[in-house]
C-alpha atoms as a PDB file:
ATOM      1  CA  MET A   1     -30.146  17.984  29.200  1.00  0.00           C
ATOM      2  CA  ASP A   2     -30.223  18.203  32.998  1.00  0.00           C
ATOM      3  CA  VAL A   3     -32.331  21.384  32.834  1.00  0.00           C
ATOM      4  CA  VAL A   4     -34.905  19.665  30.640  1.00  0.00           C
ATOM      5  CA  LEU A   5     -35.051  16.606  32.866  1.00  0.00           C
ATOM      6  CA  ASN A   6     -35.422  18.747  35.999  1.00  0.00           C
ATOM      7  CA  GLY A   7     -38.283  20.611  34.371  1.00  0.00           C
ATOM      8  CA  LEU A   8     -39.989  17.358  33.487  1.00  0.00           C
ATOM      9  CA  SER A   9     -39.738  16.154  37.070  1.00  0.00           C
ATOM     10  CA  ASN A  10     -42.303  18.823  38.087  1.00  0.00           C
ATOM     11  CA  PHE A  11     -45.238  17.164  36.342  1.00  0.00           C
ATOM     12  CA  PRO A  12     -48.656  17.095  38.158  1.00  0.00           C
ATOM     13  CA  GLU A  13     -48.866  14.656  41.029  1.00  0.00           C
ATOM     14  CA  GLY A  14     -51.712  12.757  39.412  1.00  0.00           C
ATOM     15  CA  MET A  15     -49.671  11.798  36.371  1.00  0.00           C
ATOM     16  CA  ASN A  16     -48.672   8.213  36.363  1.00  0.00           C
ATOM     17  CA  GLU A  17     -45.010   7.630  37.234  1.00  0.00           C
ATOM     18  CA  VAL A  18     -44.664   5.248  34.315  1.00  0.00           C
ATOM     19  CA  VAL A  19     -45.824   7.935  31.890  1.00  0.00           C
ATOM     20  CA  ARG A  20     -43.427  10.469  33.339  1.00  0.00           C
ATOM     21  CA  THR A  21     -40.549   7.978  33.093  1.00  0.00           C
ATOM     22  CA  ALA A  22     -41.472   7.200  29.499  1.00  0.00           C
ATOM     23  CA  LEU A  23     -41.561  10.885  28.637  1.00  0.00           C
ATOM     24  CA  ARG A  24     -38.168  11.498  30.199  1.00  0.00           C
ATOM     25  CA  MET A  25     -36.725   8.538  28.282  1.00  0.00           C
ATOM     26  CA  ALA A  26     -38.272   9.874  25.083  1.00  0.00           C
ATOM     27  CA  VAL A  27     -36.638  13.247  25.743  1.00  0.00           C
ATOM     28  CA  ILE A  28     -33.303  11.486  26.279  1.00  0.00           C
ATOM     29  CA  LEU A  29     -33.673   9.674  22.963  1.00  0.00           C
ATOM     30  CA  VAL A  30     -34.579  12.874  21.121  1.00  0.00           C
ATOM     31  CA  LEU A  31     -31.687  14.792  22.658  1.00  0.00           C
ATOM     32  CA  ALA A  32     -29.305  11.937  21.871  1.00  0.00           C
ATOM     33  CA  TRP A  33     -30.462  11.926  18.243  1.00  0.00           C
ATOM     34  CA  VAL A  34     -30.088  15.718  17.995  1.00  0.00           C
ATOM     35  CA  ALA A  35     -26.614  15.563  19.566  1.00  0.00           C
ATOM     36  CA  SER A  36     -25.554  12.765  17.233  1.00  0.00           C
ATOM     37  CA  GLN A  37     -26.763  14.631  14.154  1.00  0.00           C
ATOM     38  CA  ALA A  38     -25.086  17.838  15.298  1.00  0.00           C
ATOM     39  CA  VAL A  39     -21.754  16.103  15.850  1.00  0.00           C
ATOM     40  CA  HIS A  40     -22.022  14.330  12.489  1.00  0.00           C
ATOM     41  CA  ARG A  41     -22.728  17.624  10.718  1.00  0.00           C
ATOM     42  CA  LEU A  42     -19.828  19.263  12.512  1.00  0.00           C
ATOM     43  CA  ILE A  43     -17.438  16.491  11.460  1.00  0.00           C
ATOM     44  CA  ARG A  44     -18.822  16.453   7.911  1.00  0.00           C
ATOM     45  CA  GLY A  45     -18.521  20.230   7.592  1.00  0.00           C
ATOM     46  CA  PHE A  46     -14.942  20.162   8.830  1.00  0.00           C
ATOM     47  CA  ARG A  47     -14.127  17.385   6.401  1.00  0.00           C
ATOM     48  CA  LEU A  48     -15.682  19.261   3.462  1.00  0.00           C
ATOM     49  CA  ARG A  49     -13.759  22.444   4.283  1.00  0.00           C
ATOM     50  CA  LEU A  50     -10.573  20.404   4.549  1.00  0.00           C
ATOM     51  CA  THR A  51     -11.044  18.490   1.295  1.00  0.00           C
ATOM     52  CA  ALA A  52     -12.007  21.665  -0.586  1.00  0.00           C
ATOM     53  CA  ARG A  53      -8.356  22.708  -0.347  1.00  0.00           C
ATOM     54  CA  MET A  54      -7.032  19.340  -1.548  1.00  0.00           C
ATOM     55  CA  GLN A  55      -6.194  18.435  -5.125  1.00  0.00           C
ATOM     56  CA  ASP A  56      -5.073  14.862  -4.570  1.00  0.00           C
ATOM     57  CA  PRO A  57      -7.989  12.384  -4.918  1.00  0.00           C
ATOM     58  CA  GLU A  58      -6.230   9.953  -2.587  1.00  0.00           C
ATOM     59  CA  ALA A  59      -5.890  12.618   0.128  1.00  0.00           C
ATOM     60  CA  ILE A  60      -9.600  13.355  -0.252  1.00  0.00           C
ATOM     61  CA  GLN A  61     -10.441   9.676   0.128  1.00  0.00           C
ATOM     62  CA  ARG A  62      -8.191   9.423   3.197  1.00  0.00           C
ATOM     63  CA  ALA A  63      -9.975  12.393   4.785  1.00  0.00           C
ATOM     64  CA  GLU A  64     -13.341  10.764   4.071  1.00  0.00           C
ATOM     65  CA  THR A  65     -12.193   7.535   5.732  1.00  0.00           C
ATOM     66  CA  LEU A  66     -11.067   9.425   8.817  1.00  0.00           C
ATOM     67  CA  GLY A  67     -14.373  11.325   8.844  1.00  0.00           C
ATOM     68  CA  ARG A  68     -16.303   8.062   8.850  1.00  0.00           C
ATOM     69  CA  ALA A  69     -14.201   6.758  11.719  1.00  0.00           C
ATOM     70  CA  LEU A  70     -14.797   9.922  13.763  1.00  0.00           C
ATOM     71  CA  ARG A  71     -18.539   9.829  13.094  1.00  0.00           C
ATOM     72  CA  TYR A  72     -18.667   6.217  14.188  1.00  0.00           C
ATOM     73  CA  ALA A  73     -16.767   6.993  17.403  1.00  0.00           C
ATOM     74  CA  ALA A  74     -19.090   9.937  18.132  1.00  0.00           C
ATOM     75  CA  SER A  75     -22.162   7.754  17.592  1.00  0.00           C
ATOM     76  CA  VAL A  76     -20.829   5.149  20.019  1.00  0.00           C
ATOM     77  CA  MET A  77     -20.161   7.777  22.699  1.00  0.00           C
ATOM     78  CA  VAL A  78     -23.587   9.428  22.353  1.00  0.00           C
ATOM     79  CA  THR A  79     -25.330   6.035  22.375  1.00  0.00           C
ATOM     80  CA  ALA A  80     -23.439   4.937  25.483  1.00  0.00           C
ATOM     81  CA  LEU A  81     -24.323   8.160  27.312  1.00  0.00           C
ATOM     82  CA  ALA A  82     -27.993   7.935  26.332  1.00  0.00           C
ATOM     83  CA  THR A  83     -28.134   4.299  27.426  1.00  0.00           C
ATOM     84  CA  MET A  84     -26.743   5.117  30.859  1.00  0.00           C
ATOM     85  CA  LEU A  85     -29.243   7.953  31.330  1.00  0.00           C
ATOM     86  CA  MET A  86     -32.151   5.708  30.311  1.00  0.00           C
ATOM     87  CA  LEU A  87     -31.024   2.972  32.701  1.00  0.00           C
ATOM     88  CA  SER A  88     -30.840   5.553  35.462  1.00  0.00           C
ATOM     89  CA  GLU A  89     -34.432   6.599  34.710  1.00  0.00           C
ATOM     90  CA  LEU A  90     -35.504   2.976  35.013  1.00  0.00           C
ATOM     91  CA  GLY A  91     -33.961   2.834  38.459  1.00  0.00           C
ATOM     92  CA  VAL A  92     -31.023   0.693  37.469  1.00  0.00           C
ATOM     93  CA  SER A  93     -27.822   1.573  39.292  1.00  0.00           C
ATOM     94  CA  VAL A  94     -25.219   2.492  36.707  1.00  0.00           C
ATOM     95  CA  ALA A  95     -22.151   2.181  38.939  1.00  0.00           C
ATOM     96  CA  PRO A  96     -22.189  -1.648  39.193  1.00  0.00           C
ATOM     97  CA  LEU A  97     -22.820  -1.872  35.477  1.00  0.00           C
ATOM     98  CA  LEU A  98     -19.845   0.361  34.779  1.00  0.00           C
ATOM     99  CA  GLY A  99     -17.690  -1.843  36.972  1.00  0.00           C
ATOM    100  CA  ALA A 100     -18.907  -4.985  35.230  1.00  0.00           C
ATOM    101  CA  ALA A 101     -18.470  -3.315  31.861  1.00  0.00           C
ATOM    102  CA  GLY A 102     -14.900  -2.468  32.818  1.00  0.00           C
ATOM    103  CA  VAL A 103     -14.140  -6.084  33.680  1.00  0.00           C
ATOM    104  CA  ALA A 104     -15.895  -7.296  30.530  1.00  0.00           C
ATOM    105  CA  GLY A 105     -14.045  -4.689  28.499  1.00  0.00           C
ATOM    106  CA  VAL A 106     -10.718  -5.985  29.765  1.00  0.00           C
ATOM    107  CA  ALA A 107     -11.712  -9.555  28.889  1.00  0.00           C
ATOM    108  CA  ILE A 108     -12.972  -8.552  25.460  1.00  0.00           C
ATOM    109  CA  GLY A 109      -9.855  -6.452  24.946  1.00  0.00           C
ATOM    110  CA  PHE A 110      -7.648  -9.486  25.471  1.00  0.00           C
ATOM    111  CA  GLY A 111      -9.758 -11.540  23.109  1.00  0.00           C
ATOM    112  CA  ALA A 112     -10.009  -8.864  20.433  1.00  0.00           C
ATOM    113  CA  GLN A 113      -6.614  -7.252  20.857  1.00  0.00           C
ATOM    114  CA  SER A 114      -5.636  -8.130  17.283  1.00  0.00           C
ATOM    115  CA  LEU A 115      -8.768  -6.376  16.006  1.00  0.00           C
ATOM    116  CA  VAL A 116      -8.065  -3.314  18.144  1.00  0.00           C
ATOM    117  CA  LYS A 117      -4.470  -3.370  16.945  1.00  0.00           C
ATOM    118  CA  ASP A 118      -5.680  -3.410  13.341  1.00  0.00           C
ATOM    119  CA  TYR A 119      -7.834  -0.316  13.884  1.00  0.00           C
ATOM    120  CA  PHE A 120      -5.118   1.669  15.632  1.00  0.00           C
ATOM    121  CA  ALA A 121      -2.569   0.675  12.997  1.00  0.00           C
ATOM    122  CA  GLY A 122      -5.043   1.610  10.252  1.00  0.00           C
ATOM    123  CA  LEU A 123      -5.590   5.019  11.806  1.00  0.00           C
ATOM    124  CA  SER A 124      -1.822   5.538  11.911  1.00  0.00           C
ATOM    125  CA  ILE A 125      -1.440   4.462   8.268  1.00  0.00           C
ATOM    126  CA  LEU A 126      -4.129   6.915   7.171  1.00  0.00           C
ATOM    127  CA  LEU A 127      -2.829   9.825   9.240  1.00  0.00           C
ATOM    128  CA  GLU A 128       0.776   9.324   8.124  1.00  0.00           C
ATOM    129  CA  ASP A 129      -0.182   8.767   4.468  1.00  0.00           C
ATOM    130  CA  GLN A 130       1.880   5.590   4.231  1.00  0.00           C
ATOM    131  CA  VAL A 131      -0.314   3.818   1.684  1.00  0.00           C
ATOM    132  CA  ARG A 132      -2.439   5.336  -1.057  1.00  0.00           C
ATOM    133  CA  GLN A 133      -5.011   3.821  -3.336  1.00  0.00           C
ATOM    134  CA  GLY A 134      -3.394   3.042  -6.703  1.00  0.00           C
ATOM    135  CA  ASP A 135       0.112   2.658  -5.269  1.00  0.00           C
ATOM    136  CA  VAL A 136       2.152  -0.459  -5.927  1.00  0.00           C
ATOM    137  CA  VAL A 137       3.452  -1.531  -2.528  1.00  0.00           C
ATOM    138  CA  LYS A 138       5.037  -4.446  -0.757  1.00  0.00           C
ATOM    139  CA  LEU A 139       3.486  -5.243   2.618  1.00  0.00           C
ATOM    140  CA  GLY A 140       5.457  -8.065   4.184  1.00  0.00           C
ATOM    141  CA  ASP A 141       5.259 -10.977   1.734  1.00  0.00           C
ATOM    142  CA  HIS A 142       2.470  -9.413  -0.345  1.00  0.00           C
ATOM    143  CA  THR A 143       3.041  -7.139  -3.344  1.00  0.00           C
ATOM    144  CA  GLY A 144       0.410  -5.541  -5.540  1.00  0.00           C
ATOM    145  CA  VAL A 145      -1.688  -2.524  -6.442  1.00  0.00           C
ATOM    146  CA  VAL A 146      -3.561  -0.957  -3.520  1.00  0.00           C
ATOM    147  CA  GLU A 147      -7.280  -1.115  -4.253  1.00  0.00           C
ATOM    148  CA  GLU A 148      -8.650  -0.093  -0.853  1.00  0.00           C
ATOM    149  CA  VAL A 149      -7.352   1.238   2.452  1.00  0.00           C
ATOM    150  CA  THR A 150      -9.592   0.933   5.511  1.00  0.00           C
ATOM    151  CA  LEU A 151      -9.087   1.068   9.255  1.00  0.00           C
ATOM    152  CA  ARG A 152      -9.181  -2.738   9.299  1.00  0.00           C
ATOM    153  CA  TYR A 153      -7.109  -3.856   6.309  1.00  0.00           C
ATOM    154  CA  VAL A 154      -5.363  -2.954   3.050  1.00  0.00           C
ATOM    155  CA  ARG A 155      -6.621  -4.724  -0.074  1.00  0.00           C
ATOM    156  CA  LEU A 156      -3.989  -5.539  -2.718  1.00  0.00           C
ATOM    157  CA  ARG A 157      -4.277  -7.091  -6.176  1.00  0.00           C
ATOM    158  CA  ASP A 158      -1.123  -8.724  -7.498  1.00  0.00           C
ATOM    159  CA  TYR A 159       0.039  -9.155 -11.103  1.00  0.00           C
ATOM    160  CA  ASP A 160      -1.783 -12.491 -11.427  1.00  0.00           C
ATOM    161  CA  GLY A 161      -5.043 -10.876 -10.353  1.00  0.00           C
ATOM    162  CA  HIS A 162      -5.069 -12.423  -6.889  1.00  0.00           C
ATOM    163  CA  VAL A 163      -6.561 -10.246  -4.144  1.00  0.00           C
ATOM    164  CA  HIS A 164      -4.775 -10.040  -0.780  1.00  0.00           C
ATOM    165  CA  PHE A 165      -6.392  -8.641   2.375  1.00  0.00           C
ATOM    166  CA  VAL A 166      -3.568  -7.584   4.687  1.00  0.00           C
ATOM    167  CA  PRO A 167      -4.653  -6.717   8.268  1.00  0.00           C
ATOM    168  CA  ASN A 168      -3.204  -3.374   9.315  1.00  0.00           C
ATOM    169  CA  GLY A 169      -1.936  -4.796  12.590  1.00  0.00           C
ATOM    170  CA  ARG A 170       0.364  -7.174  10.700  1.00  0.00           C
ATOM    171  CA  ILE A 171       1.979  -4.463   8.588  1.00  0.00           C
ATOM    172  CA  ASP A 172       5.438  -3.873  10.051  1.00  0.00           C
ATOM    173  CA  SER A 173       6.969  -2.292   6.951  1.00  0.00           C
ATOM    174  CA  VAL A 174       5.686  -0.571   3.823  1.00  0.00           C
ATOM    175  CA  ILE A 175       7.698  -0.446   0.598  1.00  0.00           C
ATOM    176  CA  SER A 176       6.086   1.936  -1.881  1.00  0.00           C
ATOM    177  CA  MET A 177       7.223   1.549  -5.487  1.00  0.00           C
ATOM    178  CA  GLY A 178       5.523   4.587  -6.959  1.00  0.00           C
ATOM    179  CA  ARG A 179       5.691   7.584  -4.649  1.00  0.00           C
ATOM    180  CA  GLN A 180       6.607  10.799  -6.527  1.00  0.00           C
ATOM    181  CA  PHE A 181       9.039   9.047  -8.903  1.00  0.00           C
ATOM    182  CA  ALA A 182      10.826   5.740  -9.447  1.00  0.00           C
ATOM    183  CA  TYR A 183      13.960   4.348 -11.070  1.00  0.00           C
ATOM    184  CA  ALA A 184      14.031   1.837 -13.900  1.00  0.00           C
ATOM    185  CA  VAL A 185      17.261  -0.010 -13.101  1.00  0.00           C
ATOM    186  CA  VAL A 186      18.866  -2.221 -15.738  1.00  0.00           C
ATOM    187  CA  ASP A 187      21.786  -4.599 -15.255  1.00  0.00           C
ATOM    188  CA  ILE A 188      23.251  -5.482 -18.643  1.00  0.00           C
ATOM    189  CA  GLY A 189      25.668  -8.368 -19.016  1.00  0.00           C
ATOM    190  CA  VAL A 190      28.241  -8.338 -21.829  1.00  0.00           C
ATOM    191  CA  ALA A 191      30.932 -10.874 -22.685  1.00  0.00           C
ATOM    192  CA  TYR A 192      34.372 -10.480 -21.172  1.00  0.00           C
ATOM    193  CA  ALA A 193      35.828  -9.993 -24.640  1.00  0.00           C
ATOM    194  CA  THR A 194      33.593  -6.993 -25.298  1.00  0.00           C
ATOM    195  CA  GLN A 195      35.071  -3.493 -25.409  1.00  0.00           C
ATOM    196  CA  LEU A 196      33.304  -1.957 -22.415  1.00  0.00           C
ATOM    197  CA  ASP A 197      33.488   1.620 -23.712  1.00  0.00           C
ATOM    198  CA  HIS A 198      31.781   0.492 -26.911  1.00  0.00           C
ATOM    199  CA  ALA A 199      29.028  -1.257 -24.956  1.00  0.00           C
ATOM    200  CA  ILE A 200      28.506   1.761 -22.692  1.00  0.00           C
ATOM    201  CA  ARG A 201      28.295   4.147 -25.671  1.00  0.00           C
ATOM    202  CA  THR A 202      25.709   1.856 -27.273  1.00  0.00           C
ATOM    203  CA  MET A 203      23.670   1.777 -24.071  1.00  0.00           C
ATOM    204  CA  GLU A 204      23.758   5.581 -23.855  1.00  0.00           C
ATOM    205  CA  ALA A 205      22.714   5.963 -27.502  1.00  0.00           C
ATOM    206  CA  VAL A 206      19.756   3.614 -27.014  1.00  0.00           C
ATOM    207  CA  GLY A 207      18.835   5.551 -23.873  1.00  0.00           C
ATOM    208  CA  ARG A 208      18.746   8.821 -25.823  1.00  0.00           C
ATOM    209  CA  GLU A 209      16.583   7.230 -28.512  1.00  0.00           C
ATOM    210  CA  LEU A 210      14.135   5.930 -25.946  1.00  0.00           C
ATOM    211  CA  THR A 211      13.974   9.302 -24.178  1.00  0.00           C
ATOM    212  CA  ALA A 212      13.211  11.027 -27.491  1.00  0.00           C
ATOM    213  CA  ASP A 213      10.457   8.541 -28.348  1.00  0.00           C
ATOM    214  CA  PRO A 214       7.078  10.340 -28.016  1.00  0.00           C
ATOM    215  CA  THR A 215       5.578   7.187 -26.540  1.00  0.00           C
ATOM    216  CA  HIS A 216       7.865   7.406 -23.493  1.00  0.00           C
ATOM    217  CA  GLN A 217       8.621  11.132 -23.234  1.00  0.00           C
ATOM    218  CA  GLY A 218       6.025  11.646 -20.522  1.00  0.00           C
ATOM    219  CA  HIS A 219       7.257   8.632 -18.583  1.00  0.00           C
ATOM    220  CA  ILE A 220      11.015   9.300 -18.513  1.00  0.00           C
ATOM    221  CA  LEU A 221      11.998  12.222 -16.271  1.00  0.00           C
ATOM    222  CA  SER A 222      15.755  12.324 -17.003  1.00  0.00           C
ATOM    223  CA  ASP A 223      18.350  10.892 -19.355  1.00  0.00           C
ATOM    224  CA  LEU A 224      19.938   7.509 -18.795  1.00  0.00           C
ATOM    225  CA  GLU A 225      22.221   7.619 -15.769  1.00  0.00           C
ATOM    226  CA  MET A 226      25.195   5.345 -16.316  1.00  0.00           C
ATOM    227  CA  ALA A 227      26.545   3.844 -13.107  1.00  0.00           C
ATOM    228  CA  GLY A 228      29.263   1.767 -14.832  1.00  0.00           C
ATOM    229  CA  VAL A 229      30.585  -1.722 -14.195  1.00  0.00           C
ATOM    230  CA  GLU A 230      28.561  -3.241 -11.374  1.00  0.00           C
ATOM    231  CA  ARG A 231      30.253  -6.628 -10.965  1.00  0.00           C
ATOM    232  CA  TRP A 232      32.117  -9.455 -12.607  1.00  0.00           C
ATOM    233  CA  ALA A 233      29.706 -12.355 -12.952  1.00  0.00           C
ATOM    234  CA  ASP A 234      30.601 -15.928 -13.874  1.00  0.00           C
ATOM    235  CA  SER A 235      30.045 -15.414 -17.588  1.00  0.00           C
ATOM    236  CA  ALA A 236      29.579 -11.663 -17.992  1.00  0.00           C
ATOM    237  CA  VAL A 237      30.665  -8.192 -17.030  1.00  0.00           C
ATOM    238  CA  VAL A 238      27.541  -6.516 -15.636  1.00  0.00           C
ATOM    239  CA  ILE A 239      26.985  -2.834 -16.445  1.00  0.00           C
ATOM    240  CA  ARG A 240      24.371  -0.961 -14.419  1.00  0.00           C
ATOM    241  CA  ALA A 241      22.328   2.046 -15.526  1.00  0.00           C
ATOM    242  CA  ARG A 242      18.979   3.591 -14.639  1.00  0.00           C
ATOM    243  CA  PHE A 243      16.259   5.981 -15.789  1.00  0.00           C
ATOM    244  CA  LYS A 244      14.386   8.319 -13.478  1.00  0.00           C
ATOM    245  CA  VAL A 245      10.753   7.757 -14.416  1.00  0.00           C
ATOM    246  CA  ALA A 246       7.236   8.763 -13.456  1.00  0.00           C
ATOM    247  CA  PRO A 247       5.541   6.738 -10.710  1.00  0.00           C
ATOM    248  CA  LEU A 248       4.768   3.131 -11.659  1.00  0.00           C
ATOM    249  CA  GLN A 249       6.398   3.482 -15.095  1.00  0.00           C
ATOM    250  CA  GLN A 250       9.663   1.723 -14.219  1.00  0.00           C
ATOM    251  CA  TRP A 251       8.530  -1.632 -15.583  1.00  0.00           C
ATOM    252  CA  SER A 252       7.270  -0.391 -18.961  1.00  0.00           C
ATOM    253  CA  VAL A 253      10.366   1.787 -19.497  1.00  0.00           C
ATOM    254  CA  ARG A 254      12.691  -1.057 -18.536  1.00  0.00           C
ATOM    255  CA  ARG A 255      11.001  -3.486 -20.943  1.00  0.00           C
ATOM    256  CA  ALA A 256      11.124  -0.987 -23.811  1.00  0.00           C
ATOM    257  CA  TYR A 257      14.803  -0.237 -23.161  1.00  0.00           C
ATOM    258  CA  LEU A 258      15.810  -3.903 -23.014  1.00  0.00           C
ATOM    259  CA  LYS A 259      14.040  -4.606 -26.301  1.00  0.00           C
ATOM    260  CA  ARG A 260      15.803  -1.734 -28.076  1.00  0.00           C
ATOM    261  CA  LEU A 261      19.143  -2.588 -26.505  1.00  0.00           C
ATOM    262  CA  LYS A 262      18.955  -6.213 -27.676  1.00  0.00           C
ATOM    263  CA  GLU A 263      18.420  -5.023 -31.236  1.00  0.00           C
ATOM    264  CA  ALA A 264      21.290  -2.515 -30.927  1.00  0.00           C
ATOM    265  CA  PHE A 265      23.666  -5.121 -29.487  1.00  0.00           C
ATOM    266  CA  ASP A 266      22.841  -7.490 -32.348  1.00  0.00           C
ATOM    267  CA  ALA A 267      23.511  -4.742 -34.882  1.00  0.00           C
ATOM    268  CA  GLN A 268      26.803  -3.755 -33.220  1.00  0.00           C
ATOM    269  CA  GLY A 269      27.990  -7.320 -32.777  1.00  0.00           C
ATOM    270  CA  ILE A 270      28.121  -7.026 -28.984  1.00  0.00           C
ATOM    271  CA  GLU A 271      27.795 -10.462 -27.465  1.00  0.00           C
ATOM    272  CA  ILE A 272      25.194 -11.035 -24.780  1.00  0.00           C
ATOM    273  CA  PRO A 273      26.787 -13.896 -22.842  1.00  0.00           C
ATOM    274  CA  PHE A 274      25.275 -17.033 -21.477  1.00  0.00           C
ATOM    275  CA  PRO A 275      26.816 -19.653 -19.198  1.00  0.00           C
ATOM    276  CA  HIS A 276      29.700 -21.639 -20.743  1.00  0.00           C
ATOM    277  CA  VAL A 277      30.808 -25.011 -19.529  1.00  0.00           C
ATOM    278  CA  THR A 278      34.112 -26.472 -20.634  1.00  0.00           C
ATOM    279  CA  VAL A 279      34.081 -30.262 -20.843  1.00  0.00           C
ATOM    280  CA  VAL A 280      37.331 -32.194 -20.554  1.00  0.00           C
ATOM    281  CA  PRO A 281      36.740 -35.261 -22.739  1.00  0.00           C
ATOM    282  CA  LYS A 282      38.031 -38.745 -22.220  1.00  0.00           C
ATOM    283  CA  ALA A 283      40.540 -40.337 -24.560  1.00  0.00           C
ATOM    284  CA  ASN A 284      37.836 -41.939 -26.730  1.00  0.00           C
ATOM    285  CA  ASP A 285      36.044 -38.602 -27.145  1.00  0.00           C
ATOM    286  CA  LEU A 286      39.279 -36.859 -28.156  1.00  0.00           C
ATOM    287  CA  ALA A 287      39.469 -39.010 -31.238  1.00  0.00           C
ATOM    288  CA  LEU A 288      35.942 -38.024 -32.231  1.00  0.00           C
ATOM    289  CA  GLY A 289      36.325 -34.261 -31.716  1.00  0.00           C
ATOM    290  CA  LEU A 290      33.003 -34.252 -29.847  1.00  0.00           C
ATOM    291  CA  THR A 291      30.781 -31.173 -29.838  1.00  0.00           C
ATOM    292  CA  VAL A 292      27.747 -31.216 -27.536  1.00  0.00           C
ATOM    293  CA  THR A 293      24.991 -28.610 -27.677  1.00  0.00           C
ATOM    294  CA  ASN A 294      22.080 -28.360 -25.260  1.00  0.00           C
ATOM    295  CA  ASP A 295      20.433 -25.334 -23.681  1.00  0.00           C
ATOM    296  CA  ARG A 296      23.962 -24.135 -22.894  1.00  0.00           C
ATOM    297  CA  ARG A 297      26.972 -24.021 -25.220  1.00  0.00           C
ATOM    298  CA  ILE A 298      29.229 -26.943 -24.321  1.00  0.00           C
ATOM    299  CA  SER A 299      32.257 -27.516 -26.497  1.00  0.00           C
ATOM    300  CA  ALA A 300      35.202 -29.803 -26.421  1.00  0.00           C
ATOM    301  CA  GLU A 301      38.064 -29.568 -28.838  1.00  0.00           C
ATOM    302  CA  ALA A 302      40.234 -32.486 -29.787  1.00  0.00           C
ATOM    303  CA  GLY A 303      43.862 -32.061 -28.896  1.00  0.00           C
END
């Protein structure tokens, strides 16, 4: 660019200075446009060669997002350089402007630090592949399906259909519920009087039936894994088990298993407990042999 500008400075003496300045500014604009297009093509070509080796649509989209960010940054740099050269041609001293721009930049930086934080955090999220489109994630207090990932925000849609825009700068943790595989965990409560070995065998048999079901064969990656007795609850002994399933299939597999298990427990006579409250009646109630039934089983026996 300097060579071209030096050559243009040797115009005939009779040429108006305004015309020569306008021509030099036009050359600056043309060179800036050529440089911008060249950089954009370079970035686009690199991105196309990179995505040609990718099979994952989400990785391709992430590369495209990064390519757009790089093209935008290149355009800003070329525009800033061209602007400074044009101001210099107009006789405006650039040094004071740079100093003022530095002070203004600091002031703007303080005012827009959250916005800058969002962009840097978004770049980190994209580079580290923390969030993908189509994932079910929990970002702070928000949980839903990822519909869009940008440098500024992540857009989620929850189960009720509500859309959440989560700024990247506010994301301090990411919980992904569908990366590579998931577990459908079930906690089954049985009555204390139940033979636990019988209940566990029934759970395993239902698990084998569900795994063999063609509807769920592609969703379940391994047989039911029986963890055993998890805890003693107030009204039940809780048995824990889990399936290893394909990404985002844990909820459908869990629902199907619970439905089948309820039917199997009913057929086997295995009691699914609910809270019991023992009422100690007064003397008048003892004579009546009172039995009270509400949403919980409450019984009192006369002595």
